[in-house]
Amino acid sequence: MKTTIKTVTIDRPFQLPRMAAPHPPGTFELQIDEEPLDVVWEAYHRTMTLFLTSDGLTEAWPVSEEELDKAMASH
């Protein structure tokens, strides 16, 4: 498995699927895990987790690239 950590900034309040309420904007840690697939050529299955911190609590939210792009898009 290969893991990459990135920092992402979301400029506006956003709500990911399964969130009860919008989350305030900010800078967050994004963990990208890539697991190799068992095929002849080099290929990976990607999963992403967005770590949200507020009020001293850190939550890990599974997120797809499409959901993250939507949250980061300006309105």
Foldseek 3Di string as FASTA:
>chain_A
DDKDKDKDWAQQFADFPPDPDTDGTGIWIKIKDWDFDPDPDTDTDIWMWIWDDDPNDTDTDTDDPVRVVVRRDDD
